[in-house]
Amino acid sequence: MIPEEILKQYHACICDYETGDFIYEENMESSCYFQILSGKVKLNNFSEDGREFIQNIFEAPQSFGDALLFIDKAYPTNAIALTQCRVYQLPSDLFFTLLKEHPQYYVIITENLSKRLYYKMLMSKHIFSKDPHIRLTALMKYFKETHCIKENNEEYLIPLTRQQMADLTGLRVETVIRTIKTMERNKLLKIRNRQIYY
């Protein structure tokens, strides 16, 4: 992402959030570029009956909320700290000044936005599948491709709880637990100390 020293040159501030804090709320006007310094952030929506649907989960040094700056639209989701977080916040006018003066970061931003669009298309393709194995495999592949710095054939620790996997795929948590156990028996993943390695 954008190096810290560049963000500091453009007067990005660091904001601290506790677990559960809202960084922004659905329908708020988009106004900043956010880049995670430490911790994890989820983008979510709540249904009328209070059920949560997680749109995505980001961790350092990923950015979030930036797509809306390019089209001047309100946030369609909430951004909530999943853990204690430190987040760089750069007002939109300074963000665009940064990009004009350092156009190489346009490519990085575009690549990351493309990965997120790919994830949305991938999940929308599989979200209607009745087979939970297909939904969970798509989710784990995306996280491995996006977050893993090792070679693709190496094990990757999935940084999600069973509940988060359920919220990301629209499955019941009991279905996720059952399917993960089946996948382990079929040697499609490994479980060590209740953690999933894919």
N, C-alpha and C. Protein backbone atom coordinates (compact mmCIF):
# COMPACT_ATOMS: atom_id res chain seq x y z
N MET A 1 0.84 -1.20 0.00
CA MET A 1 0.00 0.00 0.00
C MET A 1 0.88 1.25 0.00
N ILE A 2 0.31 2.37 0.37
CA ILE A 2 1.08 3.62 0.37
C ILE A 2 2.03 3.61 1.58
N PRO A 3 3.32 3.83 1.36
CA PRO A 3 4.28 3.80 2.48
C PRO A 3 3.93 4.82 3.56
N GLU A 4 4.25 4.46 4.79
CA GLU A 4 3.92 5.33 5.92
C GLU A 4 4.57 6.71 5.80
N GLU A 5 5.83 6.73 5.32
CA GLU A 5 6.51 8.02 5.24
C GLU A 5 5.82 8.97 4.25
N ILE A 6 5.21 8.40 3.20
CA ILE A 6 4.46 9.23 2.24
C ILE A 6 3.17 9.73 2.89
N LEU A 7 2.47 8.83 3.59
CA LEU A 7 1.24 9.25 4.27
C LEU A 7 1.51 10.38 5.27
N LYS A 8 2.62 10.25 6.00
CA LYS A 8 2.97 11.28 6.98
C LYS A 8 3.28 12.62 6.30
N GLN A 9 3.92 12.56 5.13
CA GLN A 9 4.23 13.80 4.41
C GLN A 9 2.96 14.57 4.06
N TYR A 10 1.86 13.83 3.86
CA TYR A 10 0.59 14.47 3.48
C TYR A 10 -0.34 14.63 4.69
N HIS A 11 0.25 14.56 5.88
CA HIS A 11 -0.44 14.87 7.13
C HIS A 11 -1.56 13.88 7.48
N ALA A 12 -1.37 12.62 7.12
CA ALA A 12 -2.31 11.60 7.58
C ALA A 12 -2.18 11.47 9.10
N CYS A 13 -3.30 11.36 9.78
CA CYS A 13 -3.26 11.19 11.23
C CYS A 13 -3.49 9.72 11.57
N ILE A 14 -2.99 9.31 12.72
CA ILE A 14 -3.20 7.95 13.20
C ILE A 14 -4.29 7.97 14.25
N CYS A 15 -5.33 7.17 14.04
CA CYS A 15 -6.44 7.09 15.00
C CYS A 15 -6.46 5.70 15.63
N ASP A 16 -6.71 5.64 16.92
CA ASP A 16 -6.77 4.37 17.65
C ASP A 16 -8.22 4.00 17.91
N TYR A 17 -8.52 2.71 17.72
CA TYR A 17 -9.87 2.19 17.93
C TYR A 17 -9.82 0.94 18.80
N GLU A 18 -10.80 0.82 19.67
CA GLU A 18 -10.96 -0.40 20.46
C GLU A 18 -11.84 -1.38 19.71
N THR A 19 -11.77 -2.65 20.07
CA THR A 19 -12.61 -3.66 19.45
C THR A 19 -14.08 -3.27 19.53
N GLY A 20 -14.76 -3.28 18.40
CA GLY A 20 -16.17 -2.93 18.35
C GLY A 20 -16.46 -1.47 18.02
N ASP A 21 -15.42 -0.63 18.02
CA ASP A 21 -15.62 0.78 17.67
C ASP A 21 -15.98 0.93 16.19
N PHE A 22 -16.88 1.85 15.91
CA PHE A 22 -17.21 2.19 14.53
C PHE A 22 -16.18 3.21 14.01
N ILE A 23 -15.58 2.89 12.88
CA ILE A 23 -14.66 3.83 12.22
C ILE A 23 -15.49 4.76 11.33
N TYR A 24 -16.45 4.20 10.65
CA TYR A 24 -17.50 4.98 10.00
C TYR A 24 -18.76 4.14 9.95
N GLU A 25 -19.90 4.80 9.72
CA GLU A 25 -21.18 4.10 9.68
C GLU A 25 -21.81 4.19 8.30
N GLU A 26 -22.65 3.20 8.02
CA GLU A 26 -23.37 3.16 6.76
C GLU A 26 -24.11 4.49 6.54
N ASN A 27 -24.05 4.97 5.30
CA ASN A 27 -24.69 6.21 4.84
C ASN A 27 -23.96 7.49 5.24
N MET A 28 -22.83 7.38 5.96
CA MET A 28 -22.02 8.56 6.21
C MET A 28 -21.33 8.98 4.91
N GLU A 29 -21.08 10.26 4.77
CA GLU A 29 -20.38 10.77 3.60
C GLU A 29 -18.94 10.28 3.60
N SER A 30 -18.47 9.79 2.46
CA SER A 30 -17.07 9.33 2.37
C SER A 30 -16.16 10.55 2.37
N SER A 31 -15.14 10.51 3.21
CA SER A 31 -14.33 11.72 3.37
C SER A 31 -12.84 11.44 3.55
N CYS A 32 -12.45 10.17 3.76
CA CYS A 32 -11.05 9.88 4.06
C CYS A 32 -10.58 8.60 3.38
N TYR A 33 -9.28 8.55 3.18
CA TYR A 33 -8.58 7.32 2.81
C TYR A 33 -8.14 6.68 4.13
N PHE A 34 -8.43 5.39 4.31
CA PHE A 34 -8.07 4.67 5.53
C PHE A 34 -7.06 3.58 5.19
N GLN A 35 -5.99 3.50 5.96
CA GLN A 35 -5.01 2.42 5.79
C GLN A 35 -4.64 1.89 7.17
N ILE A 36 -4.73 0.58 7.32
CA ILE A 36 -4.55 -0.04 8.63
C ILE A 36 -3.06 -0.14 8.97
N LEU A 37 -2.71 0.38 10.12
CA LEU A 37 -1.34 0.28 10.63
C LEU A 37 -1.18 -0.99 11.46
N SER A 38 -2.19 -1.31 12.26
CA SER A 38 -2.20 -2.56 13.03
C SER A 38 -3.64 -2.93 13.34
N GLY A 39 -3.89 -4.24 13.49
CA GLY A 39 -5.23 -4.71 13.81
C GLY A 39 -6.03 -5.13 12.59
N LYS A 40 -7.31 -5.42 12.81
CA LYS A 40 -8.22 -5.87 11.75
C LYS A 40 -9.51 -5.06 11.78
N VAL A 41 -10.08 -4.86 10.60
CA VAL A 41 -11.32 -4.10 10.44
C VAL A 41 -12.28 -4.90 9.58
N LYS A 42 -13.56 -4.89 9.95
CA LYS A 42 -14.57 -5.55 9.11
C LYS A 42 -15.51 -4.51 8.53
N LEU A 43 -15.96 -4.76 7.31
CA LEU A 43 -17.03 -3.98 6.71
C LEU A 43 -18.28 -4.82 6.78
N ASN A 44 -19.37 -4.27 7.31
CA ASN A 44 -20.57 -5.08 7.48
C ASN A 44 -21.84 -4.27 7.29
N ASN A 45 -22.94 -5.00 7.23
CA ASN A 45 -24.29 -4.43 7.26
C ASN A 45 -25.09 -5.23 8.27
N PHE A 46 -26.17 -4.62 8.77
CA PHE A 46 -27.10 -5.32 9.64
C PHE A 46 -28.46 -5.34 8.97
N SER A 47 -29.12 -6.50 9.00
CA SER A 47 -30.47 -6.61 8.46
C SER A 47 -31.46 -5.98 9.42
N GLU A 48 -32.71 -5.88 9.00
CA GLU A 48 -33.74 -5.28 9.85
C GLU A 48 -33.93 -6.06 11.14
N ASP A 49 -33.70 -7.36 11.10
CA ASP A 49 -33.85 -8.16 12.32
C ASP A 49 -32.56 -8.25 13.13
N GLY A 50 -31.55 -7.46 12.73
CA GLY A 50 -30.31 -7.38 13.50
C GLY A 50 -29.24 -8.39 13.11
N ARG A 51 -29.50 -9.19 12.07
CA ARG A 51 -28.50 -10.16 11.65
C ARG A 51 -27.36 -9.45 10.92
N GLU A 52 -26.14 -9.86 11.24
CA GLU A 52 -24.97 -9.23 10.64
C GLU A 52 -24.57 -9.97 9.36
N PHE A 53 -24.19 -9.19 8.35
CA PHE A 53 -23.59 -9.75 7.15
C PHE A 53 -22.26 -9.05 6.93
N ILE A 54 -21.16 -9.80 7.02
CA ILE A 54 -19.83 -9.22 6.84
C ILE A 54 -19.50 -9.19 5.34
N GLN A 55 -19.17 -8.01 4.86
CA GLN A 55 -18.81 -7.84 3.45
C GLN A 55 -17.36 -8.19 3.20
N ASN A 56 -16.47 -7.84 4.12
CA ASN A 56 -15.05 -8.12 3.95
C ASN A 56 -14.34 -7.87 5.27
N ILE A 57 -13.13 -8.41 5.37
CA ILE A 57 -12.27 -8.20 6.54
C ILE A 57 -10.90 -7.78 6.02
N PHE A 58 -10.35 -6.72 6.62
CA PHE A 58 -9.06 -6.20 6.21
C PHE A 58 -8.10 -6.17 7.40
N GLU A 59 -6.81 -6.30 7.09
CA GLU A 59 -5.79 -6.22 8.12
C GLU A 59 -4.61 -5.41 7.60
N ALA A 60 -3.70 -5.04 8.49
CA ALA A 60 -2.54 -4.23 8.10
C ALA A 60 -1.75 -4.96 7.01
N PRO A 61 -1.30 -4.24 5.97
CA PRO A 61 -1.39 -2.79 5.74
C PRO A 61 -2.46 -2.42 4.71
N GLN A 62 -3.56 -3.17 4.69
CA GLN A 62 -4.59 -2.92 3.68
C GLN A 62 -5.33 -1.60 3.93
N SER A 63 -5.95 -1.10 2.86
CA SER A 63 -6.78 0.10 2.95
C SER A 63 -8.23 -0.30 2.78
N PHE A 64 -9.13 0.61 3.13
CA PHE A 64 -10.57 0.34 2.95
C PHE A 64 -11.30 1.67 2.80
N GLY A 65 -12.47 1.59 2.19
CA GLY A 65 -13.29 2.79 2.01
C GLY A 65 -12.85 3.69 0.87
N ASP A 66 -11.73 3.35 0.21
CA ASP A 66 -11.18 4.24 -0.81
C ASP A 66 -11.99 4.27 -2.10
N ALA A 67 -12.66 3.18 -2.44
CA ALA A 67 -13.42 3.14 -3.70
C ALA A 67 -14.46 4.26 -3.75
N LEU A 68 -15.07 4.57 -2.61
CA LEU A 68 -16.14 5.57 -2.57
C LEU A 68 -15.63 6.97 -2.84
N LEU A 69 -14.34 7.22 -2.56
CA LEU A 69 -13.77 8.55 -2.77
C LEU A 69 -13.76 8.91 -4.26
N PHE A 70 -13.61 7.89 -5.10
CA PHE A 70 -13.51 8.14 -6.54
C PHE A 70 -14.87 8.46 -7.17
N ILE A 71 -15.93 8.07 -6.50
CA ILE A 71 -17.27 8.32 -7.07
C ILE A 71 -18.11 9.23 -6.17
N ASP A 72 -17.51 9.70 -5.07
CA ASP A 72 -18.17 10.66 -4.17
C ASP A 72 -19.53 10.14 -3.71
N LYS A 73 -19.53 8.90 -3.20
CA LYS A 73 -20.75 8.28 -2.70
C LYS A 73 -20.64 8.02 -1.20
N ALA A 74 -21.77 7.92 -0.54
CA ALA A 74 -21.80 7.59 0.88
C ALA A 74 -21.39 6.14 1.08
N TYR A 75 -20.92 5.84 2.28
CA TYR A 75 -20.49 4.46 2.59
C TYR A 75 -21.71 3.53 2.59
N PRO A 76 -21.65 2.41 1.85
CA PRO A 76 -22.77 1.47 1.84
C PRO A 76 -22.68 0.45 2.99
N THR A 77 -21.59 0.52 3.78
CA THR A 77 -21.38 -0.41 4.88
C THR A 77 -20.92 0.36 6.11
N ASN A 78 -20.85 -0.36 7.23
CA ASN A 78 -20.15 0.12 8.41
C ASN A 78 -18.71 -0.38 8.33
N ALA A 79 -17.79 0.34 8.94
CA ALA A 79 -16.42 -0.14 9.16
C ALA A 79 -16.23 -0.21 10.67
N ILE A 80 -15.97 -1.43 11.17
CA ILE A 80 -15.90 -1.66 12.61
C ILE A 80 -14.59 -2.36 12.95
N ALA A 81 -13.94 -1.91 14.02
CA ALA A 81 -12.69 -2.54 14.47
C ALA A 81 -12.99 -3.94 15.00
N LEU A 82 -12.34 -4.94 14.39
CA LEU A 82 -12.48 -6.32 14.87
C LEU A 82 -11.56 -6.59 16.05
N THR A 83 -10.47 -5.84 16.09
CA THR A 83 -9.49 -5.92 17.18
C THR A 83 -9.10 -4.48 17.52
N GLN A 84 -8.24 -4.31 18.49
CA GLN A 84 -7.67 -2.99 18.68
C GLN A 84 -6.96 -2.60 17.40
N CYS A 85 -7.17 -1.38 16.94
CA CYS A 85 -6.63 -0.95 15.64
C CYS A 85 -5.96 0.41 15.74
N ARG A 86 -4.95 0.56 14.89
CA ARG A 86 -4.38 1.88 14.59
C ARG A 86 -4.56 2.07 13.10
N VAL A 87 -5.18 3.17 12.73
CA VAL A 87 -5.54 3.39 11.32
C VAL A 87 -5.10 4.78 10.88
N TYR A 88 -4.39 4.82 9.75
CA TYR A 88 -4.08 6.11 9.14
C TYR A 88 -5.35 6.65 8.49
N GLN A 89 -5.61 7.92 8.69
CA GLN A 89 -6.74 8.59 8.04
C GLN A 89 -6.21 9.82 7.32
N LEU A 90 -6.50 9.86 6.00
CA LEU A 90 -6.05 10.96 5.16
C LEU A 90 -7.26 11.57 4.47
N PRO A 91 -7.57 12.86 4.73
CA PRO A 91 -8.72 13.48 4.08
C PRO A 91 -8.66 13.34 2.56
N SER A 92 -9.82 13.25 1.94
CA SER A 92 -9.89 12.94 0.51
C SER A 92 -9.14 13.95 -0.36
N ASP A 93 -9.18 15.24 -0.02
CA ASP A 93 -8.48 16.22 -0.85
C ASP A 93 -6.97 15.98 -0.83
N LEU A 94 -6.42 15.65 0.34
CA LEU A 94 -4.99 15.35 0.45
C LEU A 94 -4.65 14.01 -0.22
N PHE A 95 -5.59 13.07 -0.16
CA PHE A 95 -5.40 11.77 -0.82
C PHE A 95 -5.24 11.97 -2.33
N PHE A 96 -6.09 12.77 -2.92
CA PHE A 96 -6.01 12.99 -4.37
C PHE A 96 -4.79 13.83 -4.74
N THR A 97 -4.39 14.73 -3.87
CA THR A 97 -3.14 15.47 -4.10
C THR A 97 -1.96 14.51 -4.10
N LEU A 98 -1.96 13.59 -3.13
CA LEU A 98 -0.90 12.57 -3.04
C LEU A 98 -0.83 11.76 -4.34
N LEU A 99 -1.98 11.32 -4.84
CA LEU A 99 -2.00 10.51 -6.05
C LEU A 99 -1.52 11.29 -7.27
N LYS A 100 -1.85 12.56 -7.34
CA LYS A 100 -1.39 13.39 -8.47
C LYS A 100 0.12 13.57 -8.43
N GLU A 101 0.65 13.72 -7.23
CA GLU A 101 2.09 13.96 -7.09
C GLU A 101 2.91 12.67 -7.06
N HIS A 102 2.25 11.55 -6.79
CA HIS A 102 2.91 10.24 -6.79
C HIS A 102 2.02 9.25 -7.56
N PRO A 103 1.93 9.40 -8.89
CA PRO A 103 0.99 8.59 -9.68
C PRO A 103 1.24 7.09 -9.63
N GLN A 104 2.42 6.67 -9.19
CA GLN A 104 2.68 5.23 -9.10
C GLN A 104 1.73 4.53 -8.13
N TYR A 105 1.17 5.30 -7.17
CA TYR A 105 0.26 4.68 -6.21
C TYR A 105 -1.14 4.48 -6.79
N TYR A 106 -1.44 5.12 -7.92
CA TYR A 106 -2.68 4.83 -8.63
C TYR A 106 -2.74 3.36 -9.01
N VAL A 107 -1.61 2.84 -9.46
CA VAL A 107 -1.55 1.44 -9.90
C VAL A 107 -1.83 0.51 -8.72
N ILE A 108 -1.23 0.81 -7.58
CA ILE A 108 -1.44 -0.03 -6.39
C ILE A 108 -2.89 0.02 -5.93
N ILE A 109 -3.45 1.24 -5.90
CA ILE A 109 -4.86 1.40 -5.50
C ILE A 109 -5.76 0.64 -6.47
N THR A 110 -5.50 0.77 -7.76
CA THR A 110 -6.32 0.10 -8.78
C THR A 110 -6.22 -1.41 -8.64
N GLU A 111 -5.02 -1.91 -8.39
CA GLU A 111 -4.85 -3.36 -8.21
C GLU A 111 -5.65 -3.86 -7.02
N ASN A 112 -5.62 -3.12 -5.92
CA ASN A 112 -6.36 -3.54 -4.73
C ASN A 112 -7.87 -3.46 -4.93
N LEU A 113 -8.33 -2.43 -5.61
CA LEU A 113 -9.76 -2.33 -5.91
C LEU A 113 -10.19 -3.46 -6.83
N SER A 114 -9.31 -3.84 -7.76
CA SER A 114 -9.62 -4.95 -8.67
C SER A 114 -9.72 -6.27 -7.92
N LYS A 115 -8.85 -6.47 -6.93
CA LYS A 115 -8.91 -7.69 -6.12
C LYS A 115 -10.23 -7.77 -5.36
N ARG A 116 -10.69 -6.63 -4.86
CA ARG A 116 -11.96 -6.62 -4.12
C ARG A 116 -13.14 -6.88 -5.04
N LEU A 117 -13.07 -6.32 -6.24
CA LEU A 117 -14.13 -6.57 -7.22
C LEU A 117 -14.15 -8.05 -7.61
N TYR A 118 -12.95 -8.62 -7.76
CA TYR A 118 -12.84 -10.05 -8.07
C TYR A 118 -13.48 -10.88 -6.96
N TYR A 119 -13.20 -10.51 -5.69
CA TYR A 119 -13.77 -11.22 -4.56
C TYR A 119 -15.30 -11.16 -4.59
N LYS A 120 -15.83 -9.96 -4.87
CA LYS A 120 -17.29 -9.81 -4.91
C LYS A 120 -17.90 -10.68 -6.02
N MET A 121 -17.25 -10.70 -7.18
CA MET A 121 -17.76 -11.51 -8.28
C MET A 121 -17.66 -12.99 -7.94
N LEU A 122 -16.54 -13.37 -7.31
CA LEU A 122 -16.33 -14.76 -6.93
C LEU A 122 -17.40 -15.21 -5.94
N MET A 123 -17.64 -14.39 -4.92
CA MET A 123 -18.60 -14.76 -3.89
C MET A 123 -20.03 -14.71 -4.42
N SER A 124 -20.34 -13.74 -5.29
CA SER A 124 -21.70 -13.68 -5.84
C SER A 124 -21.97 -14.88 -6.74
N LYS A 125 -20.91 -15.38 -7.38
CA LYS A 125 -21.04 -16.58 -8.21
C LYS A 125 -21.39 -17.80 -7.37
N HIS A 126 -20.80 -17.87 -6.17
CA HIS A 126 -20.96 -19.06 -5.34
C HIS A 126 -22.01 -18.91 -4.23
N ILE A 127 -22.45 -17.68 -3.96
CA ILE A 127 -23.34 -17.45 -2.82
C ILE A 127 -24.68 -18.17 -2.98
N PHE A 128 -25.07 -18.44 -4.24
CA PHE A 128 -26.34 -19.11 -4.47
C PHE A 128 -26.20 -20.62 -4.52
N SER A 129 -24.95 -21.10 -4.40
CA SER A 129 -24.74 -22.54 -4.37
C SER A 129 -25.31 -23.12 -3.09
N LYS A 130 -25.97 -24.24 -3.20
CA LYS A 130 -26.49 -24.90 -2.01
C LYS A 130 -25.41 -25.70 -1.29
N ASP A 131 -24.26 -25.84 -1.94
CA ASP A 131 -23.16 -26.63 -1.38
C ASP A 131 -22.27 -25.71 -0.54
N PRO A 132 -22.28 -25.85 0.79
CA PRO A 132 -21.46 -24.98 1.64
C PRO A 132 -19.97 -25.16 1.39
N HIS A 133 -19.57 -26.36 0.93
CA HIS A 133 -18.17 -26.61 0.62
C HIS A 133 -17.68 -25.62 -0.45
N ILE A 134 -18.51 -25.36 -1.46
CA ILE A 134 -18.14 -24.45 -2.56
C ILE A 134 -17.99 -23.03 -2.03
N ARG A 135 -18.91 -22.60 -1.19
CA ARG A 135 -18.85 -21.25 -0.64
C ARG A 135 -17.60 -21.06 0.22
N LEU A 136 -17.34 -22.03 1.09
CA LEU A 136 -16.20 -21.91 2.01
C LEU A 136 -14.87 -22.02 1.27
N THR A 137 -14.81 -22.87 0.26
CA THR A 137 -13.58 -22.99 -0.53
C THR A 137 -13.27 -21.67 -1.24
N ALA A 138 -14.29 -21.04 -1.82
CA ALA A 138 -14.09 -19.76 -2.49
C ALA A 138 -13.58 -18.70 -1.51
N LEU A 139 -14.14 -18.68 -0.31
CA LEU A 139 -13.73 -17.72 0.71
C LEU A 139 -12.28 -17.94 1.12
N MET A 140 -11.91 -19.19 1.40
CA MET A 140 -10.56 -19.48 1.86
C MET A 140 -9.53 -19.23 0.76
N LYS A 141 -9.88 -19.55 -0.49
CA LYS A 141 -8.98 -19.28 -1.60
C LYS A 141 -8.72 -17.78 -1.73
N TYR A 142 -9.77 -17.00 -1.60
CA TYR A 142 -9.61 -15.55 -1.70
C TYR A 142 -8.68 -15.03 -0.61
N PHE A 143 -8.91 -15.44 0.63
CA PHE A 143 -8.06 -14.95 1.73
C PHE A 143 -6.62 -15.40 1.56
N LYS A 144 -6.43 -16.63 1.08
CA LYS A 144 -5.07 -17.11 0.87
C LYS A 144 -4.37 -16.32 -0.23
N GLU A 145 -5.07 -16.07 -1.33
CA GLU A 145 -4.48 -15.32 -2.44
C GLU A 145 -4.22 -13.86 -2.08
N THR A 146 -5.08 -13.30 -1.24
CA THR A 146 -4.98 -11.87 -0.92
C THR A 146 -4.01 -11.58 0.21
N HIS A 147 -3.97 -12.45 1.21
CA HIS A 147 -3.21 -12.17 2.43
C HIS A 147 -1.91 -12.96 2.56
N CYS A 148 -1.81 -14.10 1.88
CA CYS A 148 -0.68 -14.99 2.11
C CYS A 148 0.56 -14.48 1.37
N ILE A 149 1.69 -14.39 2.09
CA ILE A 149 2.93 -13.94 1.47
C ILE A 149 3.81 -15.14 1.10
N LYS A 150 3.35 -16.35 1.42
CA LYS A 150 4.10 -17.55 1.08
C LYS A 150 3.68 -18.05 -0.30
N GLU A 151 4.35 -19.11 -0.73
CA GLU A 151 3.96 -19.74 -2.00
C GLU A 151 2.57 -20.34 -1.86
N ASN A 152 1.84 -20.41 -2.95
CA ASN A 152 0.45 -20.87 -2.92
C ASN A 152 0.28 -22.30 -2.42
N ASN A 153 1.33 -23.14 -2.57
CA ASN A 153 1.17 -24.53 -2.14
C ASN A 153 1.44 -24.72 -0.65
N GLU A 154 1.81 -23.66 0.05
CA GLU A 154 2.06 -23.77 1.47
C GLU A 154 0.78 -23.51 2.26
N GLU A 155 0.75 -24.04 3.47
CA GLU A 155 -0.43 -23.86 4.32
C GLU A 155 -0.58 -22.40 4.72
N TYR A 156 -1.82 -21.97 4.78
CA TYR A 156 -2.14 -20.60 5.19
C TYR A 156 -3.13 -20.65 6.33
N LEU A 157 -2.83 -19.95 7.41
CA LEU A 157 -3.73 -19.89 8.55
C LEU A 157 -4.88 -18.94 8.22
N ILE A 158 -6.09 -19.48 8.13
CA ILE A 158 -7.26 -18.66 7.84
C ILE A 158 -7.54 -17.76 9.04
N PRO A 159 -7.52 -16.42 8.87
CA PRO A 159 -7.64 -15.51 10.02
C PRO A 159 -9.08 -15.20 10.40
N LEU A 160 -9.93 -16.21 10.36
CA LEU A 160 -11.35 -16.01 10.59
C LEU A 160 -11.88 -17.01 11.60
N THR A 161 -12.83 -16.58 12.40
CA THR A 161 -13.54 -17.51 13.27
C THR A 161 -14.61 -18.22 12.44
N ARG A 162 -15.17 -19.30 12.99
CA ARG A 162 -16.26 -19.98 12.29
C ARG A 162 -17.45 -19.04 12.09
N GLN A 163 -17.71 -18.19 13.09
CA GLN A 163 -18.82 -17.24 12.99
C GLN A 163 -18.57 -16.23 11.87
N GLN A 164 -17.35 -15.73 11.78
CA GLN A 164 -17.02 -14.78 10.71
C GLN A 164 -17.15 -15.43 9.34
N MET A 165 -16.75 -16.69 9.23
CA MET A 165 -16.89 -17.41 7.96
C MET A 165 -18.37 -17.55 7.60
N ALA A 166 -19.19 -17.80 8.61
CA ALA A 166 -20.63 -17.89 8.37
C ALA A 166 -21.18 -16.55 7.91
N ASP A 167 -20.76 -15.47 8.57
CA ASP A 167 -21.27 -14.14 8.22
C ASP A 167 -20.80 -13.70 6.84
N LEU A 168 -19.64 -14.16 6.42
CA LEU A 168 -19.11 -13.80 5.10
C LEU A 168 -19.76 -14.59 3.97
N THR A 169 -20.25 -15.77 4.28
CA THR A 169 -20.80 -16.65 3.22
C THR A 169 -22.31 -16.79 3.27
N GLY A 170 -22.95 -16.24 4.30
CA GLY A 170 -24.40 -16.37 4.41
C GLY A 170 -24.84 -17.74 4.90
N LEU A 171 -23.91 -18.49 5.50
CA LEU A 171 -24.24 -19.81 6.04
C LEU A 171 -24.50 -19.73 7.54
N ARG A 172 -25.14 -20.76 8.06
CA ARG A 172 -25.29 -20.87 9.51
C ARG A 172 -23.97 -21.36 10.09
N VAL A 173 -23.63 -20.90 11.30
CA VAL A 173 -22.35 -21.28 11.89
C VAL A 173 -22.26 -22.80 12.09
N GLU A 174 -23.41 -23.43 12.39
CA GLU A 174 -23.40 -24.90 12.55
C GLU A 174 -23.02 -25.59 11.23
N THR A 175 -23.48 -25.02 10.12
CA THR A 175 -23.15 -25.57 8.80
C THR A 175 -21.66 -25.41 8.51
N VAL A 176 -21.11 -24.25 8.88
CA VAL A 176 -19.68 -24.02 8.69
C VAL A 176 -18.86 -25.03 9.48
N ILE A 177 -19.21 -25.23 10.75
CA ILE A 177 -18.47 -26.16 11.60
C ILE A 177 -18.52 -27.57 11.03
N ARG A 178 -19.69 -28.00 10.62
CA ARG A 178 -19.87 -29.34 10.07
C ARG A 178 -19.08 -29.51 8.75
N THR A 179 -19.15 -28.49 7.90
CA THR A 179 -18.47 -28.57 6.60
C THR A 179 -16.96 -28.55 6.76
N ILE A 180 -16.45 -27.74 7.68
CA ILE A 180 -15.00 -27.67 7.94
C ILE A 180 -14.50 -29.03 8.41
N LYS A 181 -15.26 -29.69 9.28
CA LYS A 181 -14.86 -31.03 9.75
C LYS A 181 -14.83 -32.03 8.61
N THR A 182 -15.81 -31.95 7.71
CA THR A 182 -15.85 -32.84 6.55
C THR A 182 -14.66 -32.57 5.64
N MET A 183 -14.35 -31.31 5.42
CA MET A 183 -13.20 -30.94 4.58
C MET A 183 -11.89 -31.44 5.19
N GLU A 184 -11.82 -31.41 6.51
CA GLU A 184 -10.61 -31.93 7.18
C GLU A 184 -10.50 -33.44 6.96
N ARG A 185 -11.61 -34.15 7.11
CA ARG A 185 -11.58 -35.61 6.89
C ARG A 185 -11.17 -35.95 5.46
N ASN A 186 -11.57 -35.08 4.52
CA ASN A 186 -11.23 -35.31 3.11
C ASN A 186 -9.87 -34.72 2.72
N LYS A 187 -9.12 -34.27 3.76
CA LYS A 187 -7.77 -33.75 3.58
C LYS A 187 -7.72 -32.51 2.67
N LEU A 188 -8.77 -31.69 2.71
CA LEU A 188 -8.81 -30.45 1.94
C LEU A 188 -8.28 -29.27 2.75
N LEU A 189 -8.15 -29.48 4.05
CA LEU A 189 -7.57 -28.48 4.95
C LEU A 189 -7.10 -29.21 6.20
N LYS A 190 -6.42 -28.48 7.08
CA LYS A 190 -5.98 -29.05 8.35
C LYS A 190 -6.48 -28.17 9.49
N ILE A 191 -6.73 -28.81 10.62
CA ILE A 191 -7.13 -28.08 11.83
C ILE A 191 -6.12 -28.41 12.92
N ARG A 192 -5.50 -27.36 13.46
CA ARG A 192 -4.57 -27.53 14.57
C ARG A 192 -4.92 -26.50 15.63
N ASN A 193 -5.13 -26.97 16.85
CA ASN A 193 -5.52 -26.07 17.96
C ASN A 193 -6.74 -25.22 17.57
N ARG A 194 -7.69 -25.85 16.91
CA ARG A 194 -8.96 -25.24 16.48
C ARG A 194 -8.77 -24.20 15.38
N GLN A 195 -7.55 -24.03 14.90
CA GLN A 195 -7.29 -23.07 13.82
C GLN A 195 -7.26 -23.81 12.47
N ILE A 196 -7.75 -23.13 11.44
CA ILE A 196 -7.87 -23.73 10.12
C ILE A 196 -6.69 -23.34 9.26
N TYR A 197 -6.04 -24.34 8.68
CA TYR A 197 -4.93 -24.12 7.75
C TYR A 197 -5.36 -24.62 6.38
N TYR A 198 -5.26 -23.75 5.39
CA TYR A 198 -5.72 -24.10 4.04
C TYR A 198 -4.57 -23.97 3.05
